[in-house]
Every structure is written in C-alpha cells, then in structure tokens.
C-alpha cells in the first residue's frame, strides 16, 4: 500500500508543516503591515494606475482623485492598456490576468494605503511588465498552466488507481503529470521572485515608500509571499520523487 509510514514521514508531514509555516508567515506579515499606513497615503488602486502609466501600460484618462478609471484612450507603448479592478473575493487573491491584460485586486487592497497593500500591488504590476516585455519564464509558465491544473487534482488519483488495480502504466501517467506540476512550480518561482524585485524597485524609484521602515516592510511582505511558492515547489517535488521511487522499486 502506497500510504505507509515512509509516505507519512517523508512526504505528508514535511509538506503539511512547510505549507502551514509559509501560510502563517504570509498572514502575519500581511496583518502587521496592513495596519501601518504609508506616509504618502497613496491607495492600492491609485498606485496600480500610477505605475502602469509610468511604464506605458495604463489608460490615458485616469482620475487619481477618486481612484476610478475612466473610459479613455490606451497608452500605445506596448499596444494595450491594463485595466485595474477591485473585484477579487479574498484579500490575498490579487492577480494579473495576461489573457485580457487586467489587474484584479481585492477591495481591501484597492482602497488601502497600507504598506502591505502597496507591496502587493507593486508585485502584480511587476507581472504586467513581465507580460509586456515577453519575460520568458512567464511564457513557459503560461504554456504549462493547463497541464498543471489538471495534474494538481487528477495525477494522484491516477497513481492510486494504478497502484491498487496493478495498472503500472496508468500510475506512471499520474507520476508524469506530477512531473509537469514540478516543472510548473519551477517556472513559477523565478516569475514570482522577479515580479517582487520589479515591484520593490518601482516603489523605491517612484518615492511612494519614502522611509527605510516602509521599504523594509514591503520587503518582508513580499519575502513571506515568496515562501508560499517555495513550499508549493517542494511539496510537488517530494510527491513526484516518492511515487517515482515507489513505482521504480516495484519493477525490481
């Protein structure tokens, strides 16, 4: 049976512990720096539009006073304008969508002037810049997304069914899909780290965060978020290595 002591000791417990630690670190950093407003008082939505404008990705007619994007001509530097929305359900589910060139923030992040909100927004704008500039790891991740989405839910079941039904070929297909998941997270990590580097540089260069403590807080928030991707990569890698070793050993 695949679910034995070795699986519990070398896969399940380490990945659960690492995931819980990474999640706790993100939550703690977010709570701490969400409670600290930035000196300049720029909101997340205002910052997103400002950074996009400065990098040639924004809409040309933006009203920064009431933080609303009006209908207007698109700045043509990269051939499109990135629209900003405050419409995600969860405070930590902010994302950039390369399919329709839109940036989605939670209402909390969109309206907040906190250091945490500004750090998160700068990171998402970093993704928009990656997309506009054809950042290769982001392209690779986009190619792997469909297979990775399927493997995240289906791969383990293929392995389980294959092992219990003595259908080794089916189990190996599941392991192969796990391998795709590992590749996806390998591609994801540099994408996320690079977006954070871009975001921190923009925050510093634009003078939005003016004090060393503000800049340190933004780094803490983004560093904590990066560990969630490290945890996801290690989880996928341990799962893949365990089942590949298990199936390889069954051949002997």
C-alpha atoms as a PDB file:
ATOM      1  CA  UNK A   1       0.000   0.000   0.000  1.00  0.00           C
ATOM      2  CA  UNK A   2       1.421   3.422  -1.005  1.00  0.00           C
ATOM      3  CA  UNK A   3       0.131   5.211   2.109  1.00  0.00           C
ATOM      4  CA  UNK A   4       2.564   3.827   4.654  1.00  0.00           C
ATOM      5  CA  UNK A   5       4.912   5.146   7.297  1.00  0.00           C
ATOM      6  CA  UNK A   6       7.513   6.319   4.797  1.00  0.00           C
ATOM      7  CA  UNK A   7       4.906   8.393   2.923  1.00  0.00           C
ATOM      8  CA  UNK A   8       3.721   9.901   6.202  1.00  0.00           C
ATOM      9  CA  UNK A   9       7.264  10.641   7.391  1.00  0.00           C
ATOM     10  CA  UNK A  10       8.953  11.833   4.210  1.00  0.00           C
ATOM     11  CA  UNK A  11       6.102  13.415   2.229  1.00  0.00           C
ATOM     12  CA  UNK A  12       2.897  14.179   4.077  1.00  0.00           C
ATOM     13  CA  UNK A  13       4.197  15.585   7.370  1.00  0.00           C
ATOM     14  CA  UNK A  14       7.011  17.718   5.873  1.00  0.00           C
ATOM     15  CA  UNK A  15       4.780  19.238   3.204  1.00  0.00           C
ATOM     16  CA  UNK A  16       1.946  19.941   5.640  1.00  0.00           C
ATOM     17  CA  UNK A  17       4.363  21.559   8.079  1.00  0.00           C
ATOM     18  CA  UNK A  18       6.074  23.656   5.400  1.00  0.00           C
ATOM     19  CA  UNK A  19       2.769  24.751   3.906  1.00  0.00           C
ATOM     20  CA  UNK A  20       1.381  25.728   7.302  1.00  0.00           C
ATOM     21  CA  UNK A  21       4.556  27.648   8.176  1.00  0.00           C
ATOM     22  CA  UNK A  22       4.561  29.532   4.866  1.00  0.00           C
ATOM     23  CA  UNK A  23       0.870  30.385   5.179  1.00  0.00           C
ATOM     24  CA  UNK A  24       1.314  31.590   8.755  1.00  0.00           C
ATOM     25  CA  UNK A  25       4.264  33.746   7.734  1.00  0.00           C
ATOM     26  CA  UNK A  26       2.251  35.397   4.973  1.00  0.00           C
ATOM     27  CA  UNK A  27      -0.716  36.021   7.249  1.00  0.00           C
ATOM     28  CA  UNK A  28       1.442  37.505   9.994  1.00  0.00           C
ATOM     29  CA  UNK A  29       3.332  39.795   7.615  1.00  0.00           C
ATOM     30  CA  UNK A  30       0.112  40.879   5.940  1.00  0.00           C
ATOM     31  CA  UNK A  31      -1.670  41.634   9.223  1.00  0.00           C
ATOM     32  CA  UNK A  32       1.280  43.579  10.607  1.00  0.00           C
ATOM     33  CA  UNK A  33       1.886  45.810   7.594  1.00  0.00           C
ATOM     34  CA  UNK A  34      -1.748  46.165   6.569  1.00  0.00           C
ATOM     35  CA  UNK A  35      -2.201  48.012   9.857  1.00  0.00           C
ATOM     36  CA  UNK A  36       0.573  50.501   9.008  1.00  0.00           C
ATOM     37  CA  UNK A  37      -0.429  53.251   6.535  1.00  0.00           C
ATOM     38  CA  UNK A  38       2.162  54.614   4.147  1.00  0.00           C
ATOM     39  CA  UNK A  39       3.432  58.144   4.703  1.00  0.00           C
ATOM     40  CA  UNK A  40       2.317  59.436   1.311  1.00  0.00           C
ATOM     41  CA  UNK A  41      -1.187  57.996   1.648  1.00  0.00           C
ATOM     42  CA  UNK A  42      -1.416  56.552  -1.868  1.00  0.00           C
ATOM     43  CA  UNK A  43      -4.039  53.812  -2.159  1.00  0.00           C
ATOM     44  CA  UNK A  44      -3.516  50.470  -3.840  1.00  0.00           C
ATOM     45  CA  UNK A  45      -5.739  51.357  -6.783  1.00  0.00           C
ATOM     46  CA  UNK A  46      -4.029  54.704  -7.265  1.00  0.00           C
ATOM     47  CA  UNK A  47      -0.605  53.083  -7.127  1.00  0.00           C
ATOM     48  CA  UNK A  48      -1.561  50.428  -9.677  1.00  0.00           C
ATOM     49  CA  UNK A  49      -2.738  53.036 -12.181  1.00  0.00           C
ATOM     50  CA  UNK A  50       0.260  55.271 -11.498  1.00  0.00           C
ATOM     51  CA  UNK A  51       2.837  52.511 -12.013  1.00  0.00           C
ATOM     52  CA  UNK A  52       1.077  51.256 -15.123  1.00  0.00           C
ATOM     53  CA  UNK A  53       1.017  54.784 -16.548  1.00  0.00           C
ATOM     54  CA  UNK A  54       4.692  55.322 -15.833  1.00  0.00           C
ATOM     55  CA  UNK A  55       5.575  52.103 -17.635  1.00  0.00           C
ATOM     56  CA  UNK A  56       3.385  52.741 -20.681  1.00  0.00           C
ATOM     57  CA  UNK A  57       0.771  50.156 -19.721  1.00  0.00           C
ATOM     58  CA  UNK A  58      -2.002  52.304 -18.313  1.00  0.00           C
ATOM     59  CA  UNK A  59      -5.133  54.013 -19.536  1.00  0.00           C
ATOM     60  CA  UNK A  60      -4.575  57.606 -20.562  1.00  0.00           C
ATOM     61  CA  UNK A  61      -7.626  59.050 -18.814  1.00  0.00           C
ATOM     62  CA  UNK A  62      -7.355  58.175 -15.112  1.00  0.00           C
ATOM     63  CA  UNK A  63      -8.852  60.179 -12.286  1.00  0.00           C
ATOM     64  CA  UNK A  64      -6.487  59.685  -9.355  1.00  0.00           C
ATOM     65  CA  UNK A  65      -8.570  61.910  -7.069  1.00  0.00           C
ATOM     66  CA  UNK A  66     -11.408  59.462  -6.543  1.00  0.00           C
ATOM     67  CA  UNK A  67      -9.383  56.414  -7.538  1.00  0.00           C
ATOM     68  CA  UNK A  68     -11.591  55.490 -10.509  1.00  0.00           C
ATOM     69  CA  UNK A  69     -10.502  54.594 -14.025  1.00  0.00           C
ATOM     70  CA  UNK A  70     -12.481  56.471 -16.653  1.00  0.00           C
ATOM     71  CA  UNK A  71     -13.001  55.418 -20.236  1.00  0.00           C
ATOM     72  CA  UNK A  72     -10.127  56.748 -22.301  1.00  0.00           C
ATOM     73  CA  UNK A  73      -7.532  56.093 -24.943  1.00  0.00           C
ATOM     74  CA  UNK A  74      -4.963  53.411 -24.265  1.00  0.00           C
ATOM     75  CA  UNK A  75      -1.332  54.429 -23.989  1.00  0.00           C
ATOM     76  CA  UNK A  76       0.284  52.807 -27.016  1.00  0.00           C
ATOM     77  CA  UNK A  77       3.813  51.990 -25.846  1.00  0.00           C
ATOM     78  CA  UNK A  78       3.090  48.258 -25.616  1.00  0.00           C
ATOM     79  CA  UNK A  79      -0.074  48.235 -27.668  1.00  0.00           C
ATOM     80  CA  UNK A  80      -2.560  47.836 -24.843  1.00  0.00           C
ATOM     81  CA  UNK A  81      -3.694  49.312 -21.581  1.00  0.00           C
ATOM     82  CA  UNK A  82      -4.004  47.293 -18.388  1.00  0.00           C
ATOM     83  CA  UNK A  83      -7.319  47.808 -16.612  1.00  0.00           C
ATOM     84  CA  UNK A  84      -7.416  47.759 -12.818  1.00  0.00           C
ATOM     85  CA  UNK A  85     -10.319  46.271 -10.875  1.00  0.00           C
ATOM     86  CA  UNK A  86     -11.078  45.935  -7.178  1.00  0.00           C
ATOM     87  CA  UNK A  87     -13.149  42.792  -7.525  1.00  0.00           C
ATOM     88  CA  UNK A  88     -11.461  39.719  -6.026  1.00  0.00           C
ATOM     89  CA  UNK A  89     -13.158  37.992  -3.110  1.00  0.00           C
ATOM     90  CA  UNK A  90     -10.153  37.410  -0.873  1.00  0.00           C
ATOM     91  CA  UNK A  91      -7.624  39.975   0.330  1.00  0.00           C
ATOM     92  CA  UNK A  92      -4.738  37.731  -0.752  1.00  0.00           C
ATOM     93  CA  UNK A  93      -6.131  36.611  -4.107  1.00  0.00           C
ATOM     94  CA  UNK A  94      -4.843  39.552  -6.118  1.00  0.00           C
ATOM     95  CA  UNK A  95      -3.584  38.684  -9.582  1.00  0.00           C
ATOM     96  CA  UNK A  96      -2.696  39.895 -13.069  1.00  0.00           C
ATOM     97  CA  UNK A  97      -4.521  38.180 -15.937  1.00  0.00           C
ATOM     98  CA  UNK A  98      -2.425  38.141 -19.140  1.00  0.00           C
ATOM     99  CA  UNK A  99      -5.374  36.919 -21.212  1.00  0.00           C
ATOM    100  CA  UNK A 100      -7.235  40.225 -21.155  1.00  0.00           C
ATOM    101  CA  UNK A 101      -4.482  42.454 -19.727  1.00  0.00           C
ATOM    102  CA  UNK A 102      -6.283  43.179 -16.471  1.00  0.00           C
ATOM    103  CA  UNK A 103      -5.131  43.537 -12.881  1.00  0.00           C
ATOM    104  CA  UNK A 104      -7.515  42.292 -10.199  1.00  0.00           C
ATOM    105  CA  UNK A 105      -7.242  43.464  -6.604  1.00  0.00           C
ATOM    106  CA  UNK A 106      -9.392  42.810  -3.587  1.00  0.00           C
ATOM    107  CA  UNK A 107     -11.456  45.802  -2.380  1.00  0.00           C
ATOM    108  CA  UNK A 108      -9.288  45.874   0.741  1.00  0.00           C
ATOM    109  CA  UNK A 109      -6.059  46.181  -1.246  1.00  0.00           C
ATOM    110  CA  UNK A 110      -7.596  48.519  -3.837  1.00  0.00           C
ATOM    111  CA  UNK A 111      -8.636  51.106  -1.257  1.00  0.00           C
ATOM    112  CA  UNK A 112      -5.936  50.631   1.381  1.00  0.00           C
ATOM    113  CA  UNK A 113      -2.968  52.983   1.806  1.00  0.00           C
ATOM    114  CA  UNK A 114      -1.085  50.415   3.882  1.00  0.00           C
ATOM    115  CA  UNK A 115       2.456  49.231   3.246  1.00  0.00           C
ATOM    116  CA  UNK A 116       1.173  45.682   2.687  1.00  0.00           C
ATOM    117  CA  UNK A 117      -1.310  46.826   0.043  1.00  0.00           C
ATOM    118  CA  UNK A 118       1.300  48.848  -1.846  1.00  0.00           C
ATOM    119  CA  UNK A 119       3.767  45.958  -1.789  1.00  0.00           C
ATOM    120  CA  UNK A 120       1.149  43.561  -3.175  1.00  0.00           C
ATOM    121  CA  UNK A 121       0.088  45.998  -5.892  1.00  0.00           C
ATOM    122  CA  UNK A 122       3.666  46.622  -6.994  1.00  0.00           C
ATOM    123  CA  UNK A 123       4.172  42.853  -7.306  1.00  0.00           C
ATOM    124  CA  UNK A 124       1.126  42.484  -9.573  1.00  0.00           C
ATOM    125  CA  UNK A 125       2.235  45.398 -11.732  1.00  0.00           C
ATOM    126  CA  UNK A 126       5.558  43.562 -11.970  1.00  0.00           C
ATOM    127  CA  UNK A 127       3.667  40.701 -13.618  1.00  0.00           C
ATOM    128  CA  UNK A 128       2.108  43.125 -16.099  1.00  0.00           C
ATOM    129  CA  UNK A 129       5.595  44.345 -17.019  1.00  0.00           C
ATOM    130  CA  UNK A 130       6.792  40.761 -17.461  1.00  0.00           C
ATOM    131  CA  UNK A 131       3.928  40.107 -19.843  1.00  0.00           C
ATOM    132  CA  UNK A 132       4.534  43.291 -21.827  1.00  0.00           C
ATOM    133  CA  UNK A 133       8.251  42.613 -22.147  1.00  0.00           C
ATOM    134  CA  UNK A 134       7.893  38.943 -23.067  1.00  0.00           C
ATOM    135  CA  UNK A 135       9.598  37.579 -19.955  1.00  0.00           C
ATOM    136  CA  UNK A 136      10.478  34.000 -20.932  1.00  0.00           C
ATOM    137  CA  UNK A 137       9.795  32.195 -17.618  1.00  0.00           C
ATOM    138  CA  UNK A 138       6.309  33.729 -17.626  1.00  0.00           C
ATOM    139  CA  UNK A 139       5.723  32.412 -21.151  1.00  0.00           C
ATOM    140  CA  UNK A 140       6.853  28.944 -20.053  1.00  0.00           C
ATOM    141  CA  UNK A 141       4.561  29.022 -17.041  1.00  0.00           C
ATOM    142  CA  UNK A 142       1.612  30.024 -19.238  1.00  0.00           C
ATOM    143  CA  UNK A 143       2.252  27.035 -21.503  1.00  0.00           C
ATOM    144  CA  UNK A 144       2.321  24.685 -18.512  1.00  0.00           C
ATOM    145  CA  UNK A 145      -0.818  26.064 -16.825  1.00  0.00           C
ATOM    146  CA  UNK A 146      -3.431  23.739 -18.441  1.00  0.00           C
ATOM    147  CA  UNK A 147      -1.484  20.553 -17.695  1.00  0.00           C
ATOM    148  CA  UNK A 148      -0.552  21.756 -14.216  1.00  0.00           C
ATOM    149  CA  UNK A 149      -4.178  22.496 -13.367  1.00  0.00           C
ATOM    150  CA  UNK A 150      -5.220  19.001 -14.394  1.00  0.00           C
ATOM    151  CA  UNK A 151      -2.303  17.323 -12.640  1.00  0.00           C
ATOM    152  CA  UNK A 152      -2.983  19.119  -9.356  1.00  0.00           C
ATOM    153  CA  UNK A 153      -6.244  17.222  -8.919  1.00  0.00           C
ATOM    154  CA  UNK A 154      -6.036  14.220 -11.199  1.00  0.00           C
ATOM    155  CA  UNK A 155      -2.467  12.942 -11.001  1.00  0.00           C
ATOM    156  CA  UNK A 156      -2.677  11.475  -7.522  1.00  0.00           C
ATOM    157  CA  UNK A 157      -5.869   9.591  -8.407  1.00  0.00           C
ATOM    158  CA  UNK A 158      -4.256   8.067 -11.476  1.00  0.00           C
ATOM    159  CA  UNK A 159      -1.395   6.874  -9.296  1.00  0.00           C
ATOM    160  CA  UNK A 160      -3.736   5.482  -6.618  1.00  0.00           C
ATOM    161  CA  UNK A 161      -5.950   3.680  -9.136  1.00  0.00           C
ATOM    162  CA  UNK A 162      -2.905   2.381 -10.987  1.00  0.00           C
ATOM    163  CA  UNK A 163      -1.323   1.012  -7.814  1.00  0.00           C
ATOM    164  CA  UNK A 164      -4.447  -0.636  -6.434  1.00  0.00           C
ATOM    165  CA  UNK A 165      -5.531  -2.048  -9.802  1.00  0.00           C
ATOM    166  CA  UNK A 166      -1.995  -3.164 -10.659  1.00  0.00           C
ATOM    167  CA  UNK A 167      -2.074  -0.926 -13.736  1.00  0.00           C
ATOM    168  CA  UNK A 168       1.507   0.320 -13.683  1.00  0.00           C
ATOM    169  CA  UNK A 169       1.193   2.243 -16.921  1.00  0.00           C
ATOM    170  CA  UNK A 170      -1.677   4.309 -15.552  1.00  0.00           C
ATOM    171  CA  UNK A 171       0.271   5.010 -12.369  1.00  0.00           C
ATOM    172  CA  UNK A 172       3.251   6.210 -14.427  1.00  0.00           C
ATOM    173  CA  UNK A 173       0.982   8.582 -16.329  1.00  0.00           C
ATOM    174  CA  UNK A 174      -0.019  10.046 -12.987  1.00  0.00           C
ATOM    175  CA  UNK A 175       3.625  10.393 -11.974  1.00  0.00           C
ATOM    176  CA  UNK A 176       4.358  12.043 -15.310  1.00  0.00           C
ATOM    177  CA  UNK A 177       1.636  14.595 -14.624  1.00  0.00           C
ATOM    178  CA  UNK A 178       3.179  15.198 -11.212  1.00  0.00           C
ATOM    179  CA  UNK A 179       6.410  15.913 -13.038  1.00  0.00           C
ATOM    180  CA  UNK A 180       4.604  18.546 -15.094  1.00  0.00           C
ATOM    181  CA  UNK A 181       3.442  20.081 -11.837  1.00  0.00           C
ATOM    182  CA  UNK A 182       7.053  20.233 -10.642  1.00  0.00           C
ATOM    183  CA  UNK A 183       8.070  21.974 -13.869  1.00  0.00           C
ATOM    184  CA  UNK A 184       5.217  24.436 -13.417  1.00  0.00           C
ATOM    185  CA  UNK A 185       6.376  25.387  -9.935  1.00  0.00           C
ATOM    186  CA  UNK A 186       9.985  25.541 -11.099  1.00  0.00           C
ATOM    187  CA  UNK A 187       8.879  28.083 -13.706  1.00  0.00           C
ATOM    188  CA  UNK A 188       6.630  29.884 -11.235  1.00  0.00           C
ATOM    189  CA  UNK A 189       9.314  30.602  -8.644  1.00  0.00           C
ATOM    190  CA  UNK A 190      11.526  32.873 -10.810  1.00  0.00           C
ATOM    191  CA  UNK A 191       8.407  34.573 -12.187  1.00  0.00           C
ATOM    192  CA  UNK A 192       7.218  35.470  -8.699  1.00  0.00           C
ATOM    193  CA  UNK A 193      10.643  36.478  -7.400  1.00  0.00           C
ATOM    194  CA  UNK A 194      11.260  38.670 -10.437  1.00  0.00           C
ATOM    195  CA  UNK A 195       7.852  40.345 -10.072  1.00  0.00           C
ATOM    196  CA  UNK A 196       8.690  41.194  -6.467  1.00  0.00           C
ATOM    197  CA  UNK A 197      12.089  42.595  -7.462  1.00  0.00           C
ATOM    198  CA  UNK A 198      10.444  44.768 -10.092  1.00  0.00           C
ATOM    199  CA  UNK A 199       7.790  45.884  -7.635  1.00  0.00           C
ATOM    200  CA  UNK A 200      10.248  46.887  -4.927  1.00  0.00           C
ATOM    201  CA  UNK A 201      12.333  48.798  -7.465  1.00  0.00           C
ATOM    202  CA  UNK A 202       9.246  50.698  -8.652  1.00  0.00           C
ATOM    203  CA  UNK A 203       8.221  51.556  -5.094  1.00  0.00           C
ATOM    204  CA  UNK A 204      11.690  52.914  -4.382  1.00  0.00           C
ATOM    205  CA  UNK A 205      12.204  54.738  -7.687  1.00  0.00           C
ATOM    206  CA  UNK A 206       8.826  56.467  -7.603  1.00  0.00           C
ATOM    207  CA  UNK A 207       9.273  57.536  -3.977  1.00  0.00           C
ATOM    208  CA  UNK A 208       5.937  56.035  -2.936  1.00  0.00           C
ATOM    209  CA  UNK A 209       7.621  54.441   0.058  1.00  0.00           C
ATOM    210  CA  UNK A 210       9.856  57.132   1.496  1.00  0.00           C
ATOM    211  CA  UNK A 211      11.265  55.770   4.755  1.00  0.00           C
ATOM    212  CA  UNK A 212      13.606  52.807   5.331  1.00  0.00           C
ATOM    213  CA  UNK A 213      11.000  51.221   7.606  1.00  0.00           C
ATOM    214  CA  UNK A 214       8.372  51.379   4.852  1.00  0.00           C
ATOM    215  CA  UNK A 215      10.747  49.812   2.339  1.00  0.00           C
ATOM    216  CA  UNK A 216      11.706  47.108   4.841  1.00  0.00           C
ATOM    217  CA  UNK A 217       8.033  46.355   5.472  1.00  0.00           C
ATOM    218  CA  UNK A 218       7.357  45.907   1.761  1.00  0.00           C
ATOM    219  CA  UNK A 219      10.297  43.505   1.506  1.00  0.00           C
ATOM    220  CA  UNK A 220       9.012  41.493   4.465  1.00  0.00           C
ATOM    221  CA  UNK A 221       5.550  41.133   2.896  1.00  0.00           C
ATOM    222  CA  UNK A 222       6.899  40.045  -0.498  1.00  0.00           C
ATOM    223  CA  UNK A 223       9.525  37.745   1.011  1.00  0.00           C
ATOM    224  CA  UNK A 224       6.855  35.979   3.062  1.00  0.00           C
ATOM    225  CA  UNK A 225       4.723  35.536  -0.056  1.00  0.00           C
ATOM    226  CA  UNK A 226       7.682  34.024  -1.918  1.00  0.00           C
ATOM    227  CA  UNK A 227       7.909  31.217   0.623  1.00  0.00           C
ATOM    228  CA  UNK A 228       4.444  30.002  -0.351  1.00  0.00           C
ATOM    229  CA  UNK A 229       5.816  29.270  -3.837  1.00  0.00           C
ATOM    230  CA  UNK A 230       8.870  27.547  -2.377  1.00  0.00           C
ATOM    231  CA  UNK A 231       6.551  25.400  -0.250  1.00  0.00           C
ATOM    232  CA  UNK A 232       4.425  24.527  -3.289  1.00  0.00           C
ATOM    233  CA  UNK A 233       7.505  23.541  -5.287  1.00  0.00           C
ATOM    234  CA  UNK A 234       8.899  21.325  -2.514  1.00  0.00           C
ATOM    235  CA  UNK A 235       5.506  19.701  -1.994  1.00  0.00           C
ATOM    236  CA  UNK A 236       5.199  18.864  -5.692  1.00  0.00           C
ATOM    237  CA  UNK A 237       8.806  17.638  -5.847  1.00  0.00           C
ATOM    238  CA  UNK A 238       8.502  15.365  -2.815  1.00  0.00           C
ATOM    239  CA  UNK A 239       5.268  13.843  -4.148  1.00  0.00           C
ATOM    240  CA  UNK A 240       6.871  13.225  -7.542  1.00  0.00           C
ATOM    241  CA  UNK A 241      10.076  11.717  -6.147  1.00  0.00           C
ATOM    242  CA  UNK A 242       8.223   9.471  -3.698  1.00  0.00           C
ATOM    243  CA  UNK A 243       5.868   7.925  -6.236  1.00  0.00           C
ATOM    244  CA  UNK A 244       8.522   7.692  -8.964  1.00  0.00           C
ATOM    245  CA  UNK A 245      10.742   5.843  -6.490  1.00  0.00           C
ATOM    246  CA  UNK A 246       7.848   3.630  -5.403  1.00  0.00           C
ATOM    247  CA  UNK A 247       6.977   2.632  -8.951  1.00  0.00           C
ATOM    248  CA  UNK A 248      10.619   2.232  -9.913  1.00  0.00           C
ATOM    249  CA  UNK A 249      11.157  -0.072  -6.944  1.00  0.00           C
ATOM    250  CA  UNK A 250       8.130  -2.186  -7.842  1.00  0.00           C
ATOM    251  CA  UNK A 251       9.773  -3.109 -11.121  1.00  0.00           C
ATOM    252  CA  UNK A 252      12.627  -4.849  -9.391  1.00  0.00           C
END
